[in-house]
Protein backbone atom coordinates (compact mmCIF):
# COMPACT_ATOMS: atom_id res chain seq x y z
CA MET A 1 87.18 75.04 100.42
CA LYS A 2 86.45 78.33 102.32
CA TYR A 3 88.50 80.29 104.71
CA SER A 4 87.62 80.15 108.42
CA LYS A 5 88.51 83.01 110.50
CA GLU A 6 91.28 81.13 112.23
CA GLU A 7 92.66 80.72 108.64
CA LEU A 8 92.80 84.35 107.81
CA HIS A 9 94.15 85.39 110.68
CA GLU A 10 97.07 82.66 110.00
CA LEU A 11 97.43 83.88 106.76
CA LYS A 12 97.35 87.30 107.63
CA ASP A 13 100.14 86.97 110.21
CA PHE A 14 102.09 84.88 107.57
CA TYR A 15 101.99 87.72 104.86
CA LEU A 16 103.04 90.33 107.46
CA GLY A 17 105.54 87.93 108.83
CA GLN A 18 107.31 87.15 105.40
CA LEU A 19 107.54 90.53 104.49
CA LEU A 20 109.07 92.09 107.68
CA ASN A 21 111.04 88.77 108.67
CA ASP A 22 112.24 87.54 105.09
CA THR A 23 111.82 89.74 102.17
CA LEU A 24 112.80 93.20 103.10
CA PRO A 25 115.56 92.12 105.34
CA PHE A 26 116.78 90.60 101.94
CA TRP A 27 117.16 94.50 100.55
CA PHE A 28 117.82 96.36 103.44
CA PRO A 29 120.04 97.89 104.25
CA ARG A 30 122.43 96.19 102.04
CA CYS A 31 120.86 97.69 99.09
CA GLU A 32 121.27 101.50 100.13
CA ASP A 33 123.84 103.31 97.90
CA ARG A 34 125.54 105.33 100.53
CA LYS A 35 127.73 106.89 97.87
CA TYR A 36 125.75 108.39 94.97
CA GLY A 37 122.08 107.61 96.29
CA GLY A 38 119.26 105.41 95.33
CA TYR A 39 119.86 101.60 95.59
CA LEU A 40 121.80 98.75 94.17
CA LEU A 41 119.27 96.33 93.70
CA MET A 42 121.23 93.90 91.13
CA ARG A 43 121.88 90.84 93.15
CA ASP A 44 122.70 87.34 93.25
CA ARG A 45 120.87 84.71 95.41
CA ASP A 46 122.92 85.33 98.58
CA GLY A 47 122.66 89.45 98.00
CA THR A 48 125.78 89.89 96.26
CA LEU A 49 126.11 92.70 93.95
CA LEU A 50 126.38 91.38 90.26
CA ASP A 51 125.70 94.78 88.54
CA ASP A 52 125.83 98.57 89.55
CA ASP A 53 123.77 100.18 87.11
CA LYS A 54 120.21 101.40 88.47
CA SER A 55 116.93 100.82 86.98
CA VAL A 56 114.99 103.43 86.54
CA TRP A 57 111.74 101.53 87.16
CA PHE A 58 113.12 100.38 90.50
CA VAL A 59 114.30 103.43 91.39
CA GLY A 60 110.45 104.22 91.44
CA ARG A 61 109.24 101.05 92.53
CA THR A 62 111.36 101.09 95.70
CA VAL A 63 110.50 104.42 96.84
CA TRP A 64 106.78 103.45 96.72
CA THR A 65 107.15 100.21 98.34
CA LEU A 66 109.23 102.15 101.48
CA ALA A 67 107.09 105.15 101.32
CA TYR A 68 103.77 102.34 101.39
CA LEU A 69 105.56 100.62 104.13
CA TYR A 70 105.57 104.00 106.03
CA ASN A 71 102.07 105.21 105.42
CA GLN A 72 100.51 101.63 105.88
CA VAL A 73 102.54 99.67 108.05
CA ASP A 74 104.64 101.33 110.57
CA LYS A 75 106.04 104.94 110.84
CA ASN A 76 109.51 103.36 110.75
CA GLU A 77 111.97 106.18 109.96
CA THR A 78 114.32 104.18 108.50
CA TRP A 79 111.89 103.62 105.91
CA LEU A 80 111.43 107.06 105.34
CA ARG A 81 115.12 107.61 105.18
CA LEU A 82 115.72 105.06 102.61
CA ALA A 83 112.75 106.29 100.63
CA LYS A 84 114.57 109.72 100.45
CA THR A 85 117.69 108.64 98.98
CA GLY A 86 115.75 106.88 96.26
CA ILE A 87 113.49 110.25 95.46
CA ASP A 88 116.71 112.31 95.75
CA PHE A 89 118.49 110.11 93.06
CA CYS A 90 115.41 110.47 90.97
CA GLU A 91 115.18 113.99 90.92
CA LYS A 92 118.76 114.39 90.54
CA TYR A 93 119.70 111.70 87.47
CA CYS A 94 116.36 110.26 86.21
CA PHE A 95 114.95 112.96 83.90
CA ASP A 96 116.41 113.86 80.78
CA PRO A 97 116.88 117.64 80.87
CA THR A 98 116.53 118.19 76.92
CA ASP A 99 113.17 116.67 76.70
CA GLY A 100 111.93 115.57 80.45
CA GLN A 101 111.31 112.19 79.44
CA MET A 102 112.90 109.56 82.28
CA TYR A 103 115.21 107.04 81.41
CA PHE A 104 115.19 103.31 81.55
CA TYR A 105 117.97 102.79 83.19
CA VAL A 106 121.49 104.73 84.45
CA THR A 107 125.07 104.08 85.71
CA ARG A 108 125.67 103.69 89.22
CA ASP A 109 126.22 107.86 89.50
CA GLY A 110 123.67 108.52 87.40
CA LYS A 111 124.39 108.94 83.99
CA PRO A 112 121.69 107.61 81.29
CA ILE A 113 122.77 104.54 79.61
CA ARG A 114 119.10 103.72 77.82
CA LYS A 115 115.41 105.14 77.12
CA ARG A 116 112.89 102.98 76.23
CA ARG A 117 109.88 103.52 73.64
CA TYR A 118 107.38 104.15 76.36
CA PHE A 119 106.74 105.56 79.26
CA PHE A 120 106.77 103.23 82.29
CA SER A 121 109.31 104.95 84.14
CA GLU A 122 107.24 107.46 84.51
CA THR A 123 104.32 105.56 85.86
CA PHE A 124 106.60 104.69 88.46
CA ALA A 125 107.66 107.92 89.47
CA VAL A 126 104.06 108.90 89.80
CA ILE A 127 103.41 106.38 92.66
CA ALA A 128 106.67 107.01 94.16
CA TYR A 129 106.19 110.74 94.40
CA ALA A 130 102.63 110.50 95.27
CA ALA A 131 103.31 107.81 98.26
CA TYR A 132 106.31 109.87 99.55
CA ALA A 133 104.37 113.19 99.59
CA LYS A 134 101.76 111.37 101.83
CA ALA A 135 104.60 110.13 104.04
CA THR A 136 106.18 113.48 104.38
CA GLY A 137 103.50 115.92 104.11
CA ASP A 138 105.50 118.02 101.28
CA ASP A 139 103.32 119.50 98.76
CA TYR A 140 106.26 119.85 96.51
CA TYR A 141 106.18 115.94 95.77
CA ALA A 142 102.23 116.30 95.51
CA HIS A 143 102.46 118.78 93.08
CA ARG A 144 105.81 116.79 91.09
CA ALA A 145 103.36 113.24 91.39
CA ARG A 146 100.48 115.09 89.35
CA GLU A 147 102.97 116.68 87.17
CA ILE A 148 104.40 113.47 86.13
CA PHE A 149 100.72 112.22 85.75
CA THR A 150 100.14 114.75 83.52
CA THR A 151 102.87 113.75 81.16
CA CYS A 152 101.50 110.01 81.31
CA LEU A 153 98.22 111.62 79.90
CA GLN A 154 100.27 113.65 77.16
CA TYR A 155 101.89 110.38 75.82
CA MET A 156 98.59 108.66 75.79
CA SER A 157 97.00 111.07 73.90
CA GLY A 158 99.71 111.81 71.70
CA GLU A 159 100.23 115.25 72.59
CA ARG A 160 103.71 114.33 73.53
CA SER A 161 105.78 112.06 71.25
CA LEU A 162 107.83 108.98 71.54
CA LEU A 163 109.54 106.57 68.85
CA PRO A 164 107.05 104.33 67.74
CA ARG A 165 107.54 100.65 68.83
CA TYR A 166 105.79 99.52 65.87
CA LEU A 167 105.44 100.92 62.45
CA ASP A 168 101.93 102.13 60.94
CA THR A 169 101.52 98.64 58.90
CA ARG A 170 99.84 96.80 61.43
CA PRO A 171 98.24 99.33 64.22
CA GLN A 172 97.25 97.83 67.44
CA ARG A 173 96.44 98.56 70.99
CA GLY A 174 97.80 97.33 74.28
CA LEU A 175 96.96 96.11 77.54
CA GLY A 176 99.58 97.47 79.48
CA VAL A 177 99.35 100.74 79.37
CA PRO A 178 95.35 101.19 80.44
CA MET A 179 95.82 98.63 83.29
CA ILE A 180 98.86 100.50 84.62
CA MET A 181 97.71 103.33 84.33
CA ILE A 182 94.49 102.24 86.37
CA ASN A 183 96.89 101.25 89.05
CA VAL A 184 99.02 104.41 89.01
CA ALA A 185 95.86 106.95 89.51
CA GLN A 186 94.38 104.80 91.91
CA GLN A 187 97.73 105.68 94.10
CA LEU A 188 97.72 109.36 93.03
CA ARG A 189 94.21 109.61 94.46
CA GLU A 190 94.65 107.44 97.66
CA ASN A 191 97.83 109.59 98.27
CA VAL A 192 97.57 113.27 97.44
CA GLY A 193 94.38 113.42 95.50
CA ASP A 194 93.43 114.62 91.53
CA ASP A 195 90.30 115.47 90.31
CA ARG A 196 91.11 113.37 87.32
CA CYS A 197 91.60 110.27 88.89
CA ASP A 198 87.84 109.06 88.69
CA SER A 199 86.77 109.57 85.38
CA CYS A 200 90.62 108.33 83.68
CA ILE A 201 89.90 105.30 85.60
CA ALA A 202 86.57 104.80 84.74
CA THR A 203 87.88 105.25 80.82
CA TRP A 204 90.85 102.71 81.04
CA ILE A 205 88.34 99.95 82.36
CA HIS A 206 86.11 100.56 79.95
CA ASP A 207 88.65 100.13 77.33
CA ILE A 208 90.38 97.05 78.61
CA GLU A 209 86.64 95.61 78.63
CA LYS A 210 85.66 96.68 75.04
CA TYR A 211 88.63 95.91 73.31
CA HIS A 212 90.75 93.27 75.34
CA VAL A 213 88.36 91.01 76.84
CA LYS A 214 86.96 88.45 74.59
CA HIS A 215 83.69 86.64 76.15
CA GLU A 216 83.55 84.20 73.15
CA LEU A 217 86.92 83.07 73.47
CA GLU A 218 87.14 83.45 77.29
CA ALA A 219 90.34 85.51 77.23
CA VAL A 220 91.85 88.69 77.67
CA MET A 221 94.17 89.86 74.79
CA GLU A 222 97.59 91.64 75.55
CA GLN A 223 97.27 93.12 71.57
CA VAL A 224 94.47 93.93 69.44
CA THR A 225 93.57 96.05 66.65
CA PRO A 226 92.59 99.73 67.39
CA GLU A 227 88.70 98.20 66.85
CA GLY A 228 89.41 95.51 69.43
CA ASN A 229 89.89 92.67 67.07
CA ILE A 230 92.01 89.58 67.04
CA ILE A 231 95.74 89.96 65.40
CA ASN A 232 95.55 86.68 64.07
CA HIS A 233 99.46 86.40 63.87
CA MET A 234 101.67 84.62 66.20
CA ASP A 235 102.37 88.22 68.04
CA GLY A 236 98.87 88.98 67.96
CA ARG A 237 97.73 86.10 69.61
CA ILE A 238 99.46 86.40 72.71
CA ILE A 239 97.62 85.89 76.19
CA ASN A 240 99.61 87.14 79.13
CA PRO A 241 98.07 85.77 82.24
CA GLY A 242 99.83 87.83 84.52
CA HIS A 243 99.34 90.94 83.06
CA ALA A 244 95.62 90.46 82.47
CA VAL A 245 95.13 89.57 86.35
CA GLU A 246 96.80 92.43 87.65
CA ALA A 247 94.21 94.27 85.61
CA ALA A 248 91.71 92.30 87.27
CA TRP A 249 92.69 93.04 90.69
CA PHE A 250 93.34 96.77 89.94
CA ILE A 251 89.51 96.44 88.78
CA LEU A 252 88.29 95.10 92.05
CA HIS A 253 90.05 97.71 94.13
CA GLU A 254 87.72 99.87 91.97
CA ALA A 255 84.92 97.95 92.98
CA VAL A 256 85.71 98.53 96.42
CA CYS A 257 86.42 102.16 96.15
CA GLN A 258 83.22 102.86 94.29
CA ASN A 259 81.35 101.21 97.02
CA ASN A 260 81.35 97.28 96.13
CA ASP A 261 80.61 97.91 93.10
CA SER A 262 78.80 94.98 91.45
CA ARG A 263 79.77 95.34 87.86
CA LEU A 264 83.30 95.93 88.52
CA ILE A 265 83.28 92.66 90.56
CA GLU A 266 81.79 90.65 88.11
CA LEU A 267 84.40 92.30 85.66
CA GLY A 268 87.48 91.75 88.01
CA CYS A 269 86.14 88.06 88.83
CA THR A 270 85.46 87.42 85.00
CA ILE A 271 88.94 88.34 83.88
CA LEU A 272 90.69 85.90 86.68
CA ASP A 273 88.17 83.41 85.78
CA TYR A 274 89.61 83.36 82.32
CA MET A 275 93.20 83.57 82.95
CA TRP A 276 92.85 80.98 85.64
CA LYS A 277 91.69 78.51 82.91
CA LEU A 278 94.26 79.39 80.42
CA GLY A 279 97.19 79.72 82.69
CA TRP A 280 97.28 77.33 85.59
CA ASP A 281 99.65 74.30 84.56
CA LYS A 282 97.84 71.16 85.07
CA ASP A 283 100.45 69.34 84.66
CA HIS A 284 102.77 71.09 87.11
CA GLY A 285 101.16 73.64 88.88
CA GLY A 286 101.74 77.29 88.58
CA ILE A 287 101.03 80.00 86.02
CA LEU A 288 102.41 79.56 82.44
CA PHE A 289 103.87 83.08 81.08
CA MET A 290 102.42 83.14 77.66
CA ARG A 291 99.60 81.48 75.89
CA ASP A 292 98.37 81.56 72.28
CA VAL A 293 94.53 82.39 72.25
CA TYR A 294 94.01 79.42 69.85
CA ASN A 295 96.73 77.30 71.78
CA LYS A 296 98.92 77.26 68.89
CA PRO A 297 102.54 77.58 69.62
CA VAL A 298 104.07 80.54 71.18
CA GLN A 299 107.20 82.30 69.56
CA GLU A 300 108.66 83.74 72.80
CA TYR A 301 110.95 81.31 74.16
CA CYS A 302 110.00 81.94 77.71
CA GLN A 303 106.60 81.06 77.16
CA ASP A 304 106.21 77.82 79.43
CA MET A 305 108.26 79.41 82.16
CA LYS A 306 107.20 80.55 85.55
CA PHE A 307 107.57 84.00 86.39
CA TRP A 308 107.55 85.33 90.38
CA TRP A 309 105.79 88.96 89.35
CA THR A 310 103.00 86.80 87.89
CA HIS A 311 102.36 84.74 91.09
CA ASN A 312 102.13 87.50 92.66
CA GLU A 313 99.55 89.07 90.94
CA PHE A 314 97.33 85.60 91.03
CA ILE A 315 97.86 85.63 94.82
CA ILE A 316 96.67 89.08 95.61
CA ALA A 317 93.60 88.79 92.82
CA THR A 318 92.52 85.48 93.93
CA LEU A 319 92.37 86.43 97.43
CA TYR A 320 90.60 89.64 96.66
CA ALA A 321 87.90 87.67 94.76
CA TYR A 322 87.36 85.59 97.45
CA LEU A 323 87.05 88.12 100.20
CA LEU A 324 84.47 90.31 98.20
CA THR A 325 82.30 87.23 97.05
CA GLY A 326 82.84 84.68 99.37
CA LYS A 327 82.68 82.00 96.49
CA GLU A 328 84.82 78.83 97.59
CA LYS A 329 86.21 78.30 94.10
CA TYR A 330 88.33 81.51 94.77
CA ALA A 331 89.59 80.11 98.26
CA ASP A 332 90.51 77.35 96.44
CA MET A 333 92.52 79.25 93.54
CA HIS A 334 94.04 81.06 96.36
CA ARG A 335 95.08 78.32 98.31
CA LYS A 336 96.59 76.39 95.24
CA ILE A 337 98.64 79.75 93.95
CA HIS A 338 99.92 80.60 97.23
CA ASP A 339 101.11 77.00 98.25
CA TYR A 340 102.94 76.80 94.67
CA SER A 341 104.08 79.62 94.77
CA TYR A 342 105.75 79.84 98.55
CA ALA A 343 107.03 76.40 97.84
CA HIS A 344 108.97 77.09 94.52
CA PHE A 345 109.66 80.47 94.16
CA HIS A 346 110.78 81.54 97.88
CA ASP A 347 114.50 80.83 98.85
CA LYS A 348 114.53 79.21 102.57
CA LYS A 349 118.21 79.68 102.66
CA PHE A 350 118.98 83.40 101.97
CA GLY A 351 115.07 84.73 101.71
CA GLU A 352 113.15 86.79 98.93
CA TRP A 353 111.82 84.73 96.04
CA PHE A 354 113.84 83.27 92.69
CA GLY A 355 112.55 85.57 89.80
CA TYR A 356 112.38 82.41 87.04
CA LEU A 357 111.50 78.77 87.13
CA HIS A 358 111.30 76.55 84.01
CA ARG A 359 108.02 74.94 83.53
CA ASP A 360 108.55 72.01 86.03
CA GLY A 361 109.29 74.27 88.85
CA THR A 362 112.99 74.16 88.78
CA ILE A 363 114.87 77.38 89.38
CA ALA A 364 116.07 78.69 85.69
CA GLN A 365 118.89 80.96 87.17
CA PRO A 366 119.04 82.38 91.08
CA ALA A 367 119.41 86.21 90.80
CA LYS A 368 117.01 88.06 93.31
CA GLY A 369 117.46 91.36 91.28
CA ASN A 370 118.14 92.55 87.93
CA LEU A 371 116.40 95.33 85.66
CA HIS A 372 112.97 94.08 86.16
CA LYS A 373 112.86 92.55 89.45
CA GLY A 374 113.59 94.19 92.94
CA PRO A 375 111.40 95.23 96.08
CA PHE A 376 108.26 95.82 94.24
CA HIS A 377 105.98 93.03 93.34
CA LEU A 378 106.25 90.33 95.94
CA PRO A 379 106.33 93.13 99.00
CA ARG A 380 103.48 94.55 97.05
CA GLN A 381 101.72 91.48 97.33
CA GLU A 382 102.62 90.79 100.99
CA MET A 383 101.82 94.23 102.03
CA PHE A 384 98.52 94.12 100.12
CA CYS A 385 97.52 90.65 101.18
CA TRP A 386 98.37 91.44 104.65
CA LYS A 387 95.89 94.82 104.60
CA LEU A 388 93.01 92.93 102.87
CA ILE A 389 92.57 90.40 105.29
CA ASP A 390 93.49 92.83 108.24
CA ASN A 391 90.36 95.23 106.64
CA TYR A 392 88.13 92.11 106.29
CA LEU A 393 88.28 90.87 109.42
CA LYS A 394 88.03 94.59 111.06
CA ASN A 395 84.60 94.87 109.15
CA ASP A 396 83.73 91.59 109.65
């Protein structure tokens, strides 16, 4: 199939309508914490508060969402005010004053509860500060965004140390860090500029292609040895289609930033092709959360579940691939993942999406917000898809 102009206009209006009339109203204004600042995002199906602890990931992610809305959708002062309460909370409570590392989550009033052995809180802070800097024109936040980006680079290089997740017995490199850092650098470059971003992005794409993409297996590995070899153990054989396809659309986005670079388009589409073949559930529809590269049993109990964010990434990637290549197979893939997702994840009664489904598409649990789920993946998908189609129709 192909999308007609009329169908693309309908899709564009659908994504913007869902974003403004369904997704965002679930979160705001109810989630603003007017007492301590930041956001109360751990919500049940109907928006009832389940827990008042605060995910530092989601302080940054929510600020980014609100600032991106302000920058790209509408100069709505309410969105900017809501972003400010998150950035202020982050500044005041989310950095450990002893070593500068960010926390993983804190109490409602900002007391630290836990750190993690990685720096993803910092990555989301970079995109938050950069988008907020663009929205406000305040150079302080642009400086902070570049400063925290420098911290991320130092963690990657080993200049700054974190407690190791694994001991030295079986060294490995992961897909997650270069994948997420591509987008962090893209957001930093787009919003406030940084001369380091182009070369960093090129390096991380090269590393993903060299070490993680396995053309002989038609797969993208989540973990490999430092040399890029398969780790033939249960944890080492894991494929995470959502992570790989998130990398795919970041690469497609970079292709556009580099004047529609054909090599990057081919790489992003190849990753999407591999992960669709391995991830799409032919029996029930949707994308399986994890697979074994040799089709052996997977250790993780959640391996055959359907996660909301995985489907958000596939919706963006398939649409991006179609608009860049015009190939009918990507329109078909996009329609399949779009239809499945809005039929199964979307809560028609209370709005927003359920986060976790069983393999057969039934709801595993109804909560809309927790330490990992909140106003980021879904609004990002709806914002990006709306903007992708809008730009495509204007250019056409």
